[in-house]
Structure formats: structure tokens, C-alpha cells
Amino acid sequence: MFEGLIRLRLNLAGGVKMGLLKEVTIEAIKKLPDECSFEDIMYEINFVAQVFDGLKDAQDGKLLTTEELLTRVEQWVK
């Protein structure tokens, strides 16, 4: 699965490669046990989508420093 995610990361600059996104998602689902539930499958699809979104955000420069993250967490705790 991670090989596909690395290729996905490398292809973000050239636009979304839906075939690659589909391939990574299918690869993740295939690695689930045969007895998996519908929820397990949906979890994998959601995980791949979140990784893709995070990689796109990073590519677009939408990043937080550790300090910024800690400040946000402190605000949530209040």
C-alpha cells in the first residue's frame, strides 16, 4: 500500500491521478482479511482519502509547525 501512496505523492504536482488513487484504495482493501466487515472496508477507504487530502495540503503549503499545533491543542483543552 505504501508504495502506491509514495507514487501518489509524487504525482500530486501533476494533478490528481484518479487511476492511481483507485489503485491504492483497491490495494488497501485487498489486504483486509476475508472476514472483514463493511465498516472495515469503509475505514480503509476513508484512511486513503485522508492521506491523499493530507498530501495535497502539504503540496499546497498548508502545514502547521509543532508550536502551532500545540497552541491549538491547548485551546481545545480549555
C-alpha atoms as a PDB file:
ATOM      1  CA  MET A   1       0.000   0.000   0.000  1.00  0.00           C
ATOM      2  CA  PHE A   2       2.723   2.490   0.913  1.00  0.00           C
ATOM      3  CA  GLU A   3       4.443   2.151  -2.457  1.00  0.00           C
ATOM      4  CA  GLY A   4       1.250   3.381  -4.076  1.00  0.00           C
ATOM      5  CA  LEU A   5       0.975   6.257  -1.608  1.00  0.00           C
ATOM      6  CA  ILE A   6       4.522   7.317  -2.431  1.00  0.00           C
ATOM      7  CA  ARG A   7       3.676   7.298  -6.142  1.00  0.00           C
ATOM      8  CA  LEU A   8       0.502   9.231  -5.345  1.00  0.00           C
ATOM      9  CA  ARG A   9       2.581  11.851  -3.514  1.00  0.00           C
ATOM     10  CA  LEU A  10       4.918  12.177  -6.459  1.00  0.00           C
ATOM     11  CA  ASN A  11       2.014  12.637  -8.857  1.00  0.00           C
ATOM     12  CA  LEU A  12       0.220  15.386  -6.922  1.00  0.00           C
ATOM     13  CA  ALA A  13       2.226  18.112  -8.622  1.00  0.00           C
ATOM     14  CA  GLY A  14       0.957  16.933 -11.987  1.00  0.00           C
ATOM     15  CA  GLY A  15      -2.678  16.843 -10.880  1.00  0.00           C
ATOM     16  CA  VAL A  16      -4.855  14.130  -9.409  1.00  0.00           C
ATOM     17  CA  LYS A  17      -4.225  10.735 -10.936  1.00  0.00           C
ATOM     18  CA  MET A  18      -7.550   9.055 -10.259  1.00  0.00           C
ATOM     19  CA  GLY A  19      -6.344   5.736 -11.612  1.00  0.00           C
ATOM     20  CA  LEU A  20      -3.553   5.734  -9.044  1.00  0.00           C
ATOM     21  CA  LEU A  21      -5.913   6.774  -6.248  1.00  0.00           C
ATOM     22  CA  LYS A  22      -8.223   3.921  -7.217  1.00  0.00           C
ATOM     23  CA  GLU A  23      -5.279   1.502  -7.351  1.00  0.00           C
ATOM     24  CA  VAL A  24      -4.077   2.491  -3.872  1.00  0.00           C
ATOM     25  CA  THR A  25      -7.586   2.161  -2.438  1.00  0.00           C
ATOM     26  CA  ILE A  26      -8.138  -1.269  -4.012  1.00  0.00           C
ATOM     27  CA  GLU A  27      -4.711  -2.407  -2.805  1.00  0.00           C
ATOM     28  CA  ALA A  28      -5.590  -1.376   0.766  1.00  0.00           C
ATOM     29  CA  ILE A  29      -8.929  -3.222   0.626  1.00  0.00           C
ATOM     30  CA  LYS A  30      -7.336  -6.377  -0.805  1.00  0.00           C
ATOM     31  CA  LYS A  31      -5.063  -6.568   2.245  1.00  0.00           C
ATOM     32  CA  LEU A  32      -8.049  -6.857   4.572  1.00  0.00           C
ATOM     33  CA  PRO A  33      -8.964 -10.343   5.811  1.00  0.00           C
ATOM     34  CA  ASP A  34     -11.812 -12.123   4.030  1.00  0.00           C
ATOM     35  CA  GLU A  35     -13.905 -11.902   7.215  1.00  0.00           C
ATOM     36  CA  CYS A  36     -13.733  -8.096   7.320  1.00  0.00           C
ATOM     37  CA  SER A  37     -16.846  -6.034   7.859  1.00  0.00           C
ATOM     38  CA  PHE A  38     -18.341  -3.288   5.748  1.00  0.00           C
ATOM     39  CA  GLU A  39     -17.062  -0.868   8.401  1.00  0.00           C
ATOM     40  CA  ASP A  40     -13.502  -2.199   7.929  1.00  0.00           C
ATOM     41  CA  ILE A  41     -13.728  -1.518   4.196  1.00  0.00           C
ATOM     42  CA  MET A  42     -15.101   1.969   4.746  1.00  0.00           C
ATOM     43  CA  TYR A  43     -12.334   2.661   7.280  1.00  0.00           C
ATOM     44  CA  GLU A  44      -9.689   1.793   4.660  1.00  0.00           C
ATOM     45  CA  ILE A  45     -11.350   3.972   2.024  1.00  0.00           C
ATOM     46  CA  ASN A  46     -11.532   6.856   4.498  1.00  0.00           C
ATOM     47  CA  PHE A  47      -7.908   6.350   5.542  1.00  0.00           C
ATOM     48  CA  VAL A  48      -6.663   6.517   1.946  1.00  0.00           C
ATOM     49  CA  ALA A  49      -8.801   9.618   1.330  1.00  0.00           C
ATOM     50  CA  GLN A  50      -7.378  11.329   4.425  1.00  0.00           C
ATOM     51  CA  VAL A  51      -3.803  10.517   3.408  1.00  0.00           C
ATOM     52  CA  PHE A  52      -4.486  11.884  -0.067  1.00  0.00           C
ATOM     53  CA  ASP A  53      -6.011  15.060   1.384  1.00  0.00           C
ATOM     54  CA  GLY A  54      -3.045  15.489   3.725  1.00  0.00           C
ATOM     55  CA  LEU A  55      -0.536  15.057   0.923  1.00  0.00           C
ATOM     56  CA  LYS A  56      -2.399  17.589  -1.193  1.00  0.00           C
ATOM     57  CA  ASP A  57      -2.479  20.058   1.700  1.00  0.00           C
ATOM     58  CA  ALA A  58       1.265  19.596   2.202  1.00  0.00           C
ATOM     59  CA  GLN A  59       1.845  20.132  -1.514  1.00  0.00           C
ATOM     60  CA  ASP A  60      -0.206  23.340  -1.276  1.00  0.00           C
ATOM     61  CA  GLY A  61       1.854  24.531   1.703  1.00  0.00           C
ATOM     62  CA  LYS A  62      -0.965  24.083   4.221  1.00  0.00           C
ATOM     63  CA  LEU A  63       1.244  22.951   7.087  1.00  0.00           C
ATOM     64  CA  LEU A  64       1.433  23.616  10.820  1.00  0.00           C
ATOM     65  CA  THR A  65       4.575  23.882  12.886  1.00  0.00           C
ATOM     66  CA  THR A  66       4.785  21.856  16.084  1.00  0.00           C
ATOM     67  CA  GLU A  67       4.327  25.052  18.068  1.00  0.00           C
ATOM     68  CA  GLU A  68       1.170  25.975  16.125  1.00  0.00           C
ATOM     69  CA  LEU A  69      -0.249  22.502  16.686  1.00  0.00           C
ATOM     70  CA  LEU A  70       0.494  22.596  20.423  1.00  0.00           C
ATOM     71  CA  THR A  71      -1.186  26.014  20.696  1.00  0.00           C
ATOM     72  CA  ARG A  72      -4.316  24.642  19.016  1.00  0.00           C
ATOM     73  CA  VAL A  73      -4.379  21.601  21.288  1.00  0.00           C
ATOM     74  CA  GLU A  74      -4.034  23.829  24.368  1.00  0.00           C
ATOM     75  CA  GLN A  75      -7.023  25.871  23.163  1.00  0.00           C
ATOM     76  CA  TRP A  76      -9.121  22.714  22.730  1.00  0.00           C
ATOM     77  CA  VAL A  77      -8.356  21.594  26.275  1.00  0.00           C
ATOM     78  CA  LYS A  78      -9.539  24.893  27.819  1.00  0.00           C
END
